[in-house]
Amino acid sequence: MFNGTYRYWDDVPGCSGSEEIILVGRDSASGTRASFEEITGLEDDSDYSDIVSGTHSWQTIAELNSNGAVHDSVATDDDAIGYVGLGYVDSEVDSIDLWSDTGASGPGFYQATAENVKNGDYALARKLYLVYKSLLQNMK
């Protein structure tokens, strides 16, 4: 969807509805956006580049400045799809199950849960590292 493959929801396998897909994402300074682009391979996709630059023939993307804003935009528009950090997935928005060939329970679709992210079954995730000054000084 984020590379302009699908324009309307009924173009997407398994979906229905003639409404146009509304893309919602993060601004260019966002680490969430950088991770999304890298993990999905969109950083090298020319159609996606056209979408985010506003030069695509029909698709645009709303670039918002926080995960909360993306969450709220998707929660209030049935035709919108966006990406957020796992902590923003709640009863107001649905996450998309992703296929894993090597899932903990075997090949299959896995939900966006903390457990599935931790064990690697939900691949659309990034690692974060916590550091603090005294730890760094002890490592010298």
Protein backbone atom coordinates (compact mmCIF):
# COMPACT_ATOMS: atom_id res chain seq x y z
CA MET A 1 0.00 0.00 0.00
CA PHE A 2 2.75 2.44 0.88
CA ASN A 3 4.34 2.10 -2.55
CA GLY A 4 1.14 2.85 -4.47
CA THR A 5 0.38 -0.76 -5.45
CA TYR A 6 -3.20 -0.45 -4.24
CA ARG A 7 -5.41 2.60 -4.64
CA TYR A 8 -8.74 1.29 -3.34
CA TRP A 9 -9.49 -1.13 -0.52
CA ASP A 10 -11.15 -3.64 -2.88
CA ASP A 11 -7.86 -3.81 -4.84
CA VAL A 12 -6.25 -5.41 -1.77
CA PRO A 13 -6.63 -9.21 -1.63
CA GLY A 14 -9.11 -10.13 1.09
CA CYS A 15 -10.46 -6.58 1.49
CA SER A 16 -13.66 -4.99 0.29
CA GLY A 17 -14.89 -1.47 -0.20
CA SER A 18 -14.49 0.94 -3.07
CA GLU A 19 -13.04 3.67 -0.84
CA GLU A 20 -9.61 5.08 -1.56
CA ILE A 21 -6.86 4.00 0.83
CA ILE A 22 -5.63 6.85 3.04
CA LEU A 23 -1.95 6.56 3.97
CA VAL A 24 -0.80 7.98 7.30
CA GLY A 25 2.82 8.02 8.38
CA ARG A 26 5.44 9.87 10.35
CA ASP A 27 7.46 12.92 9.40
CA SER A 28 10.92 12.61 7.86
CA ALA A 29 12.70 13.19 11.20
CA SER A 30 11.02 10.18 12.82
CA GLY A 31 12.93 7.09 13.89
CA THR A 32 9.69 5.13 13.55
CA ARG A 33 9.49 6.18 9.90
CA ALA A 34 13.16 5.37 9.25
CA SER A 35 12.69 1.90 10.74
CA PHE A 36 9.46 1.31 8.79
CA GLU A 37 11.15 2.28 5.52
CA GLU A 38 14.22 0.15 6.20
CA ILE A 39 12.38 -2.98 7.37
CA THR A 40 9.88 -2.88 4.50
CA GLY A 41 12.47 -1.92 1.86
CA LEU A 42 10.56 1.26 1.02
CA GLU A 43 13.66 3.42 1.45
CA ASP A 44 14.76 2.25 -2.03
CA ASP A 45 11.31 2.28 -3.68
CA SER A 46 10.86 5.06 -6.25
CA ASP A 47 7.04 4.98 -6.08
CA TYR A 48 7.18 5.43 -2.30
CA SER A 49 9.63 8.31 -2.78
CA ASP A 50 7.12 9.93 -5.14
CA ILE A 51 4.34 9.47 -2.57
CA VAL A 52 6.25 11.10 0.29
CA SER A 53 7.53 13.90 -1.95
CA GLY A 54 4.02 14.63 -3.21
CA THR A 55 4.83 13.86 -6.86
CA HIS A 56 3.04 10.49 -7.20
CA SER A 57 0.28 10.51 -9.82
CA TRP A 58 -2.55 9.82 -7.36
CA GLN A 59 -1.36 8.75 -3.89
CA THR A 60 -0.32 11.02 -1.03
CA ILE A 61 0.58 10.43 2.58
CA ALA A 62 -0.30 12.43 5.67
CA GLU A 63 2.98 12.95 7.54
CA LEU A 64 2.28 13.40 11.25
CA ASN A 65 4.68 14.32 14.04
CA SER A 66 3.94 11.59 16.59
CA ASN A 67 2.84 7.98 16.97
CA GLY A 68 -0.15 9.26 18.93
CA ALA A 69 -1.24 11.47 16.04
CA VAL A 70 -0.95 8.54 13.59
CA HIS A 71 -2.94 6.35 15.99
CA ASP A 72 -5.68 8.95 16.34
CA SER A 73 -5.87 9.58 12.59
CA VAL A 74 -6.26 5.87 11.81
CA ALA A 75 -8.71 5.39 14.70
CA THR A 76 -11.03 8.04 13.30
CA ASP A 77 -10.87 7.13 9.58
CA ASP A 78 -12.00 3.67 8.48
CA ASP A 79 -10.11 4.07 5.20
CA ALA A 80 -6.76 4.97 6.77
CA ILE A 81 -3.73 2.78 7.35
CA GLY A 82 -0.58 3.81 9.18
CA TYR A 83 2.31 2.55 11.27
CA VAL A 84 3.01 3.17 14.96
CA GLY A 85 5.06 1.76 17.78
CA LEU A 86 3.64 -1.36 19.43
CA GLY A 87 2.66 0.60 22.52
CA TYR A 88 0.09 2.48 20.44
CA VAL A 89 -1.79 -0.63 19.30
CA ASP A 90 -4.99 -0.78 21.33
CA SER A 91 -8.72 -1.41 21.04
CA GLU A 92 -9.18 1.67 18.81
CA VAL A 93 -6.97 0.37 15.98
CA ASP A 94 -6.28 -3.05 14.53
CA SER A 95 -2.85 -4.36 13.67
CA ILE A 96 -2.13 -6.46 10.62
CA ASP A 97 -1.04 -10.03 11.20
CA LEU A 98 2.22 -10.84 9.39
CA TRP A 99 3.35 -14.13 7.89
CA SER A 100 6.39 -15.88 9.33
CA ASP A 101 7.90 -19.02 7.79
CA THR A 102 9.78 -19.72 11.01
CA GLY A 103 7.24 -18.80 13.68
CA ALA A 104 7.41 -20.25 17.19
CA SER A 105 4.33 -22.35 16.42
CA GLY A 106 5.40 -23.04 12.85
CA PRO A 107 4.67 -21.14 9.65
CA GLY A 108 1.66 -18.88 9.89
CA PHE A 109 0.32 -15.42 10.51
CA TYR A 110 1.34 -13.74 13.74
CA GLN A 111 -0.28 -10.85 15.60
CA ALA A 112 1.55 -7.72 16.66
CA THR A 113 2.11 -8.62 20.30
CA ALA A 114 5.05 -8.03 22.61
CA GLU A 115 5.68 -11.79 22.77
CA ASN A 116 5.70 -12.20 18.97
CA VAL A 117 8.00 -9.21 18.56
CA LYS A 118 10.34 -10.53 21.26
CA ASN A 119 10.65 -14.00 19.75
CA GLY A 120 11.01 -12.66 16.20
CA ASP A 121 7.69 -13.92 14.82
CA TYR A 122 6.45 -10.39 14.05
CA ALA A 123 9.16 -9.06 11.78
CA LEU A 124 8.01 -5.46 11.50
CA ALA A 125 9.85 -4.39 14.64
CA ARG A 126 13.07 -2.72 15.64
CA LYS A 127 15.40 -3.15 18.58
CA LEU A 128 16.00 -0.35 21.01
CA TYR A 129 18.93 -0.06 23.38
CA LEU A 130 18.99 1.66 26.73
CA VAL A 131 22.25 3.27 27.73
CA TYR A 132 23.31 5.60 30.48
CA LYS A 133 26.50 7.42 31.31
CA SER A 134 27.88 5.29 34.16
CA LEU A 135 27.41 2.09 32.14
CA LEU A 136 29.39 3.58 29.26
CA GLN A 137 32.17 4.70 31.59
CA ASN A 138 32.50 1.18 33.02
CA MET A 139 32.88 -0.29 29.55
CA LYS A 140 36.07 1.68 28.74
